[in-house]
Protein backbone atom coordinates (compact mmCIF):
# COMPACT_ATOMS: atom_id res chain seq x y z
CA MET A 1 -0.04 0.07 0.04
CA PRO A 2 1.52 3.53 -0.96
CA ASN A 3 2.43 5.84 1.88
CA ARG A 4 -0.10 8.17 0.99
CA ALA A 5 -2.81 5.86 0.54
CA ARG A 6 -1.90 4.34 4.29
CA GLN A 7 -1.92 7.85 6.05
CA ALA A 8 -5.37 8.55 4.41
CA PHE A 9 -6.65 5.18 5.76
CA LEU A 10 -5.05 5.80 9.52
CA GLY A 11 -6.54 9.18 9.15
CA ALA A 12 -9.88 7.85 8.56
CA ALA A 13 -9.55 5.33 11.04
CA ALA A 14 -8.63 7.90 13.67
CA THR A 15 -11.39 9.97 13.02
CA ALA A 16 -13.98 7.04 12.87
CA ALA A 17 -12.64 6.14 16.51
CA LEU A 18 -12.80 9.75 17.81
CA VAL A 19 -16.57 9.93 16.68
CA ALA A 20 -16.97 6.70 18.42
CA LEU A 21 -15.37 7.88 21.60
CA THR A 22 -17.19 11.23 21.56
CA TRP A 23 -20.42 9.28 21.15
CA LEU A 24 -19.80 6.82 23.91
CA VAL A 25 -18.89 9.96 26.39
CA ALA A 26 -21.78 12.15 25.64
CA ILE A 27 -24.58 9.51 25.55
CA HIS A 28 -23.39 6.75 28.21
CA LEU A 29 -21.18 8.33 30.61
CA GLY A 30 -22.39 10.57 33.43
CA PHE A 31 -19.85 13.28 33.28
CA GLY A 32 -20.29 13.30 29.26
CA GLN A 33 -24.28 13.72 29.73
CA ARG A 34 -23.37 16.61 32.20
CA ALA A 35 -21.04 18.26 29.89
CA ASP A 36 -23.72 17.95 26.91
CA GLN A 37 -26.71 19.54 29.11
CA SER A 38 -24.19 22.17 30.40
CA VAL A 39 -23.30 22.99 26.86
CA SER A 40 -26.67 22.76 25.72
CA ARG A 41 -27.96 25.35 28.04
CA GLY A 42 -25.14 27.62 27.47
CA PHE A 43 -26.37 27.91 24.00
CA GLN A 44 -29.94 28.54 25.16
CA GLN A 45 -28.47 31.43 27.59
CA LEU A 46 -27.08 32.91 24.12
CA SER A 47 -30.63 34.15 22.94
CA ARG A 48 -30.22 37.93 23.25
CA PRO A 49 -30.41 40.39 20.47
CA ALA A 50 -26.66 41.19 20.24
CA VAL A 51 -25.71 37.36 19.76
CA ARG A 52 -28.96 36.66 17.73
CA SER A 53 -27.53 38.46 14.60
CA LEU A 54 -24.44 37.18 14.78
CA ALA A 55 -25.75 33.41 15.17
CA GLU A 56 -28.16 34.20 12.42
CA PHE A 57 -25.41 35.20 10.05
CA PHE A 58 -23.45 31.96 10.77
CA ALA A 59 -26.58 29.97 10.62
CA GLY A 60 -27.33 31.63 7.17
CA LEU A 61 -23.75 30.06 5.94
CA CYS A 62 -25.22 26.56 6.28
CA ASN A 63 -28.37 27.03 3.94
CA PRO A 64 -28.06 24.72 1.35
CA THR A 65 -28.38 26.92 -1.82
CA PRO A 66 -24.98 28.45 -2.06
CA TRP A 67 -23.31 25.15 -0.89
CA VAL A 68 -24.84 23.50 -4.29
CA TYR A 69 -23.01 25.83 -6.35
CA PHE A 70 -19.63 25.44 -4.36
CA ALA A 71 -20.23 21.62 -4.82
CA ALA A 72 -20.70 22.08 -8.41
CA LEU A 73 -17.19 24.14 -8.62
CA PRO A 74 -14.86 21.16 -8.59
CA ILE A 75 -17.22 19.15 -10.73
CA ALA A 76 -17.11 21.73 -13.39
CA VAL A 77 -13.21 22.52 -12.82
CA ALA A 78 -12.98 18.61 -13.61
CA LEU A 79 -14.90 18.68 -16.82
CA LEU A 80 -13.18 21.52 -18.05
CA ARG A 81 -9.91 19.74 -17.53
CA ARG A 82 -11.32 16.92 -19.50
CA ARG A 83 -11.30 14.72 -16.40
CA PRO A 84 -14.88 12.71 -16.20
CA ARG A 85 -13.93 10.19 -14.01
CA VAL A 86 -12.89 12.76 -11.51
CA ALA A 87 -15.94 14.70 -12.04
CA ILE A 88 -18.01 11.42 -11.31
CA ALA A 89 -15.79 10.39 -8.48
CA VAL A 90 -16.63 14.05 -6.96
CA SER A 91 -20.43 13.81 -7.84
CA ALA A 92 -20.20 10.25 -6.02
CA ILE A 93 -18.69 11.56 -2.81
CA LEU A 94 -21.00 14.74 -2.41
CA VAL A 95 -23.96 12.82 -3.12
CA GLY A 96 -23.17 9.80 -0.84
CA ALA A 97 -21.90 12.08 1.95
CA ASN A 98 -25.49 13.84 1.85
CA VAL A 99 -27.26 10.62 1.40
CA THR A 100 -25.51 8.74 4.33
CA THR A 101 -25.90 11.74 6.70
CA HIS A 102 -29.55 11.59 6.14
CA LEU A 103 -29.94 8.02 6.49
CA LEU A 104 -27.90 7.70 9.58
CA LYS A 105 -29.35 10.71 11.62
CA PRO A 106 -32.57 9.22 12.44
CA LEU A 107 -30.99 5.25 12.62
CA LEU A 108 -28.53 6.93 15.18
CA ALA A 109 -30.67 9.35 17.13
CA VAL A 110 -31.01 8.35 21.16
CA PRO A 111 -32.80 9.82 23.47
CA ARG A 112 -30.85 12.60 25.25
CA ALA A 113 -30.51 13.00 29.18
CA HIS A 114 -32.14 16.34 28.83
CA ASP A 115 -34.94 17.75 26.47
CA LEU A 116 -34.08 20.65 24.11
């Protein structure tokens, strides 16, 4: 296995392990549940006019419409460079990430120790 591929695989494996660890701590361990509650309460207490406009600005950055255009950019560049396989790969990655996110959210949802 080439060194770059090995590094990418190890990075992906480390990320998956850290995600699993975060889930374990936040959902199943008392101190993680308390930290989750504390963070949630802190965000709820930020509901002030001065903070609200800043929060709405950053939340607006997550609107899907601009990201569709940003996602189309690498596909267009690949097509302009006459690299259709790269364009297909980028498209598959973007669609796959979106589909897996929508499928995994309800499948992995668990009741929290607190209600938001």
